[in-house]
Amino acid sequence: MTSREATPRRYLMCRPTYFTVEYQINPWMHPTVPTDNARAVAQWTNLRDAYLALGHTVEEIEPIPGLPDMVFAANGATVIDGISYGAQFRYPQRAAEAPAYAARLAELGFETSAAKWINEGEGDFLLTDRYLLAGTGFRTEYAAHAEAQEIFGRPVISLQLIDPRFYHLDTAVAVLGDTIAFLPEAFSPGSVRVLRRLFPDAIEANLADAEWLGLNAVSDGKHVVLPAQATGLAEQVRARGFEPVPVDVSEFLKAGGGPKCCTLELREAGKSA
């Protein structure tokens, strides 16, 4: 079994003070289904505390009334090598989140680069040790992939998402140190071939775990923080030498979110691998 090593990470999160589901912009969202804000805050707090217990740093951004999805910090930007590539949201309901995240990241000392093309941050950009994986099909425009490559100077691998339930890349791929876990059914046949070629040792998740957004996971190279209900995926990552850290974030599933959606990684210059 491969020996895994954790590295300290720095994250940005947003308390779900105003979290609710009041519009529908993905198949998970149903405004007629009630949400429990107190439960959402408790689950978010447990997720934040799990990161702190693992030795990571958590920064916070102040939530803004009228932006119920602002808790999904991963969509606010992509931060690599001390550079923040800002988001530009597909739907107007979330548009005001982008300048709020840009301002907070500037306060935290990151160089900010505004987006010319629609992209939803780390929802569709996932950094591996060799590539920047980039999703398209539902939210982020293909042109944003080239824009990200110019900004970060890293090779970008474009991947086509085809299932609207897995509308962001981070719902269908989890980066696990030097490999990934992914759901083949979420991608076009060509994209599946690309992922299998680049990551021949990848974990292929099953649909049952993916429907709990089990792949919306966060790894520090050893630990994998993932939804508690994705038990099959937890066993798969354990078999590869990782340590699963299950968390219950089921309230956020009502909006199509999980641990990764709530977590934006802040990568400083020289600390990106």
Protein backbone atom coordinates (compact mmCIF):
# COMPACT_ATOMS: atom_id res chain seq x y z
CA MET A 1 0.00 0.00 0.00
CA THR A 2 1.28 3.46 -0.91
CA SER A 3 2.36 5.61 2.04
CA ARG A 4 0.51 8.93 2.01
CA GLU A 5 1.70 12.21 3.48
CA ALA A 6 -0.50 15.13 4.47
CA THR A 7 0.59 18.70 3.77
CA PRO A 8 -0.89 21.73 5.57
CA ARG A 9 -3.43 23.62 3.47
CA ARG A 10 -5.02 27.05 3.64
CA TYR A 11 -8.72 27.35 2.85
CA LEU A 12 -11.32 30.09 2.46
CA MET A 13 -14.85 29.40 3.66
CA CYS A 14 -18.12 31.32 4.05
CA ARG A 15 -20.49 30.71 6.93
CA PRO A 16 -23.97 29.76 5.57
CA THR A 17 -25.76 32.51 7.51
CA TYR A 18 -28.16 33.13 4.62
CA PHE A 19 -28.19 29.65 3.08
CA THR A 20 -31.50 28.53 1.62
CA VAL A 21 -32.81 27.30 -1.72
CA GLU A 22 -34.91 30.05 -3.26
CA TYR A 23 -34.25 29.48 -6.99
CA GLN A 24 -33.30 26.57 -9.26
CA ILE A 25 -30.09 26.64 -11.27
CA ASN A 26 -29.20 22.94 -11.09
CA PRO A 27 -31.17 19.68 -10.86
CA TRP A 28 -30.58 19.32 -7.12
CA MET A 29 -32.34 22.56 -6.23
CA HIS A 30 -36.06 22.57 -5.45
CA PRO A 31 -37.32 25.78 -3.81
CA THR A 32 -40.42 23.97 -2.55
CA VAL A 33 -38.27 21.66 -0.39
CA PRO A 34 -37.59 23.35 2.96
CA THR A 35 -34.07 23.95 4.18
CA ASP A 36 -32.91 24.06 7.77
CA ASN A 37 -30.51 26.97 8.19
CA ALA A 38 -29.50 26.05 11.73
CA ARG A 39 -28.63 22.55 10.55
CA ALA A 40 -26.64 24.00 7.64
CA VAL A 41 -24.63 26.20 10.01
CA ALA A 42 -23.95 23.24 12.32
CA GLN A 43 -22.81 21.04 9.43
CA TRP A 44 -20.61 23.80 8.03
CA THR A 45 -19.07 24.35 11.47
CA ASN A 46 -18.27 20.64 11.75
CA LEU A 47 -16.61 20.75 8.32
CA ARG A 48 -14.53 23.77 9.27
CA ASP A 49 -13.57 22.14 12.57
CA ALA A 50 -12.52 18.97 10.73
CA TYR A 51 -10.04 21.02 8.69
CA LEU A 52 -8.71 22.70 11.80
CA ALA A 53 -8.31 19.36 13.55
CA LEU A 54 -6.24 18.14 10.59
CA GLY A 55 -3.89 21.10 11.04
CA HIS A 56 -5.12 23.28 8.20
CA THR A 57 -5.73 27.04 8.23
CA VAL A 58 -9.23 28.36 7.54
CA GLU A 59 -9.84 31.94 6.49
CA GLU A 60 -13.39 33.27 6.27
CA ILE A 61 -15.31 35.69 4.09
CA GLU A 62 -18.27 37.61 5.44
CA PRO A 63 -21.60 36.30 4.07
CA ILE A 64 -23.82 38.79 2.26
CA PRO A 65 -27.62 38.92 2.59
CA GLY A 66 -29.39 37.92 -0.62
CA LEU A 67 -26.59 35.56 -1.73
CA PRO A 68 -27.71 32.17 -0.37
CA ASP A 69 -25.13 30.22 -2.42
CA MET A 70 -22.16 32.25 -1.21
CA VAL A 71 -21.37 29.39 1.18
CA PHE A 72 -20.03 27.54 -1.87
CA ALA A 73 -16.66 29.25 -1.70
CA ALA A 74 -15.01 26.98 -4.26
CA ASN A 75 -16.90 28.79 -7.00
CA GLY A 76 -15.55 32.22 -6.01
CA ALA A 77 -12.14 31.95 -7.72
CA THR A 78 -9.22 29.68 -8.58
CA VAL A 79 -6.10 30.45 -6.56
CA ILE A 80 -2.72 29.08 -7.68
CA ASP A 81 0.82 30.41 -7.16
CA GLY A 82 -0.46 33.42 -5.27
CA ILE A 83 -2.73 34.46 -8.18
CA SER A 84 -6.51 34.57 -7.91
CA TYR A 85 -8.32 34.04 -11.22
CA GLY A 86 -11.73 35.51 -10.51
CA ALA A 87 -15.08 33.91 -11.22
CA GLN A 88 -17.71 35.09 -13.64
CA PHE A 89 -20.94 33.26 -12.91
CA ARG A 90 -23.27 31.70 -15.47
CA TYR A 91 -26.45 32.75 -13.65
CA PRO A 92 -27.31 36.28 -12.49
CA GLN A 93 -28.46 35.00 -9.09
CA ARG A 94 -24.80 34.43 -8.15
CA ALA A 95 -23.11 37.26 -10.04
CA ALA A 96 -22.53 39.47 -6.98
CA GLU A 97 -20.46 36.75 -5.31
CA ALA A 98 -17.56 37.29 -7.74
CA PRO A 99 -16.57 40.83 -6.67
CA ALA A 100 -17.01 39.92 -3.01
CA TYR A 101 -14.57 37.04 -3.33
CA ALA A 102 -12.15 39.12 -5.38
CA ALA A 103 -12.11 41.81 -2.71
CA ARG A 104 -11.56 39.31 0.10
CA LEU A 105 -8.75 37.57 -1.75
CA ALA A 106 -7.06 40.90 -2.37
CA GLU A 107 -7.31 41.61 1.39
CA LEU A 108 -5.60 38.27 2.01
CA GLY A 109 -2.71 39.34 -0.20
CA PHE A 110 -3.43 37.51 -3.45
CA GLU A 111 -2.88 39.05 -6.87
CA THR A 112 -6.30 39.20 -8.52
CA SER A 113 -6.94 38.63 -12.21
CA ALA A 114 -10.42 39.38 -13.55
CA ALA A 115 -12.10 36.87 -15.84
CA LYS A 116 -13.10 37.71 -19.41
CA TRP A 117 -15.03 34.46 -19.79
CA ILE A 118 -17.65 32.67 -17.74
CA ASN A 119 -16.01 30.38 -15.21
CA GLU A 120 -17.08 29.17 -11.80
CA GLY A 121 -13.76 28.94 -10.03
CA GLU A 122 -12.62 25.70 -8.48
CA GLY A 123 -16.00 24.26 -9.28
CA ASP A 124 -14.57 23.65 -12.76
CA PHE A 125 -10.79 24.00 -12.24
CA LEU A 126 -9.01 21.31 -10.22
CA LEU A 127 -5.24 21.36 -9.76
CA THR A 128 -3.30 18.09 -9.81
CA ASP A 129 0.46 17.69 -9.46
CA ARG A 130 0.92 17.89 -13.25
CA TYR A 131 -2.17 19.49 -14.77
CA LEU A 132 -5.02 21.88 -14.25
CA LEU A 133 -8.14 19.86 -15.00
CA ALA A 134 -10.89 22.04 -16.46
CA GLY A 135 -14.56 21.21 -16.89
CA THR A 136 -17.04 22.55 -19.41
CA GLY A 137 -20.51 21.68 -20.60
CA PHE A 138 -22.82 23.37 -18.11
CA ARG A 139 -21.17 26.34 -16.41
CA THR A 140 -17.59 27.26 -17.36
CA GLU A 141 -16.98 28.24 -20.98
CA TYR A 142 -14.32 26.44 -22.98
CA ALA A 143 -12.60 29.78 -23.68
CA ALA A 144 -11.97 30.16 -19.95
CA HIS A 145 -9.70 27.12 -20.09
CA ALA A 146 -7.30 28.96 -22.38
CA GLU A 147 -7.59 32.06 -20.21
CA ALA A 148 -6.64 30.04 -17.12
CA GLN A 149 -3.65 28.53 -18.92
CA GLU A 150 -2.36 31.99 -19.80
CA ILE A 151 -2.84 33.26 -16.25
CA PHE A 152 -1.27 30.32 -14.45
CA GLY A 153 1.17 29.03 -17.06
CA ARG A 154 0.13 25.46 -16.34
CA PRO A 155 -1.08 22.85 -18.83
CA VAL A 156 -4.87 22.72 -18.89
CA ILE A 157 -6.77 19.53 -19.68
CA SER A 158 -10.30 20.23 -20.97
CA LEU A 159 -12.98 17.75 -19.95
CA GLN A 160 -16.57 17.59 -21.22
CA LEU A 161 -19.31 17.06 -18.63
CA ILE A 162 -22.50 15.49 -20.00
CA ASP A 163 -24.78 14.76 -17.00
CA PRO A 164 -26.56 17.85 -15.61
CA ARG A 165 -26.53 16.37 -12.10
CA PHE A 166 -22.76 16.69 -12.20
CA TYR A 167 -22.73 20.23 -13.50
CA HIS A 168 -19.34 21.21 -12.06
CA LEU A 169 -16.11 19.27 -12.42
CA ASP A 170 -15.74 19.03 -8.65
CA THR A 171 -18.93 16.97 -8.45
CA ALA A 172 -17.42 14.32 -10.75
CA VAL A 173 -13.68 14.38 -9.91
CA ALA A 174 -11.79 14.40 -6.63
CA VAL A 175 -8.07 15.17 -6.66
CA LEU A 176 -6.26 12.78 -4.31
CA GLY A 177 -2.61 13.70 -4.15
CA ASP A 178 -0.96 12.21 -7.22
CA THR A 179 -4.11 10.51 -8.51
CA ILE A 180 -7.85 11.16 -8.81
CA ALA A 181 -11.22 9.56 -8.24
CA PHE A 182 -13.88 10.17 -10.87
CA LEU A 183 -17.27 9.09 -12.18
CA PRO A 184 -16.98 7.89 -15.80
CA GLU A 185 -20.71 8.35 -16.47
CA ALA A 186 -20.38 12.11 -15.91
CA PHE A 187 -18.05 12.61 -18.90
CA SER A 188 -18.04 12.30 -22.66
CA PRO A 189 -16.35 9.13 -23.98
CA GLY A 190 -13.31 11.09 -25.12
CA SER A 191 -12.89 12.74 -21.72
CA VAL A 192 -13.09 9.35 -20.01
CA ARG A 193 -10.30 8.11 -22.25
CA VAL A 194 -8.21 11.18 -21.40
CA LEU A 195 -8.64 10.66 -17.65
CA ARG A 196 -7.80 6.97 -17.89
CA ARG A 197 -4.71 7.76 -19.96
CA LEU A 198 -3.47 10.51 -17.62
CA PHE A 199 -4.36 8.66 -14.41
CA PRO A 200 -4.15 4.91 -15.09
CA ASP A 201 -4.40 4.26 -11.35
CA ALA A 202 -7.50 6.46 -10.87
CA ILE A 203 -10.32 5.32 -8.62
CA GLU A 204 -13.53 4.92 -10.60
CA ALA A 205 -16.43 5.72 -8.31
CA ASN A 206 -19.90 4.27 -8.56
CA LEU A 207 -23.04 6.25 -9.25
CA ALA A 208 -24.54 5.60 -5.81
CA ASP A 209 -21.67 7.40 -4.08
CA ALA A 210 -21.56 10.15 -6.72
CA GLU A 211 -25.24 10.86 -6.13
CA TRP A 212 -24.31 11.77 -2.54
CA LEU A 213 -21.69 14.06 -4.13
CA GLY A 214 -19.07 11.75 -2.70
CA LEU A 215 -16.56 13.03 -5.25
CA ASN A 216 -17.03 16.56 -3.96
CA ALA A 217 -14.17 15.79 -1.61
CA VAL A 218 -11.11 17.60 -0.24
CA SER A 219 -7.73 15.90 0.19
CA ASP A 220 -4.50 17.06 1.77
CA GLY A 221 -2.54 14.19 0.26
CA LYS A 222 -3.41 11.75 3.04
CA HIS A 223 -6.82 12.59 4.45
CA VAL A 224 -9.93 12.70 2.26
CA VAL A 225 -12.81 14.75 3.66
CA LEU A 226 -15.95 13.47 1.96
CA PRO A 227 -19.70 13.11 2.55
CA ALA A 228 -20.43 10.53 5.23
CA GLN A 229 -22.99 8.77 3.05
CA ALA A 230 -20.43 7.91 0.33
CA THR A 231 -19.35 4.76 2.15
CA GLY A 232 -18.24 2.83 -0.93
CA LEU A 233 -15.91 5.60 -2.04
CA ALA A 234 -14.55 5.86 1.50
CA GLU A 235 -13.56 2.21 1.34
CA GLN A 236 -12.02 2.69 -2.10
CA VAL A 237 -9.79 5.54 -0.93
CA ARG A 238 -8.89 3.65 2.24
CA ALA A 239 -7.74 0.72 0.11
CA ARG A 240 -5.37 3.13 -1.69
CA GLY A 241 -3.72 4.23 1.55
CA PHE A 242 -5.77 7.38 2.18
CA GLU A 243 -7.61 8.10 5.41
CA PRO A 244 -11.26 9.00 4.83
CA VAL A 245 -12.73 11.72 7.04
CA PRO A 246 -16.53 11.46 6.72
CA VAL A 247 -18.63 14.57 7.34
CA ASP A 248 -22.38 15.05 7.12
CA VAL A 249 -23.13 17.97 4.81
CA SER A 250 -26.49 16.66 3.60
CA GLU A 251 -28.26 20.01 4.03
CA PHE A 252 -26.06 21.44 1.28
CA LEU A 253 -26.97 18.57 -1.04
CA LYS A 254 -30.33 20.32 -1.41
CA ALA A 255 -28.44 22.99 -3.38
CA GLY A 256 -26.08 20.56 -5.13
CA GLY A 257 -23.14 21.12 -2.80
CA GLY A 258 -20.71 19.15 -0.67
CA PRO A 259 -17.43 19.60 1.22
CA LYS A 260 -15.40 20.78 -1.77
CA CYS A 261 -18.09 23.25 -2.82
CA CYS A 262 -17.74 24.89 0.60
CA THR A 263 -13.94 25.05 0.37
CA LEU A 264 -11.67 27.26 -1.74
CA GLU A 265 -8.00 26.31 -1.49
CA LEU A 266 -5.61 29.25 -1.20
CA ARG A 267 -2.32 28.30 -2.84
CA GLU A 268 0.49 30.74 -2.28
CA ALA A 269 3.46 31.20 -4.60
CA GLY A 270 5.82 28.26 -4.34
CA LYS A 271 3.26 26.14 -2.48
CA SER A 272 1.08 24.87 -5.31
CA ALA A 273 2.12 21.27 -5.87
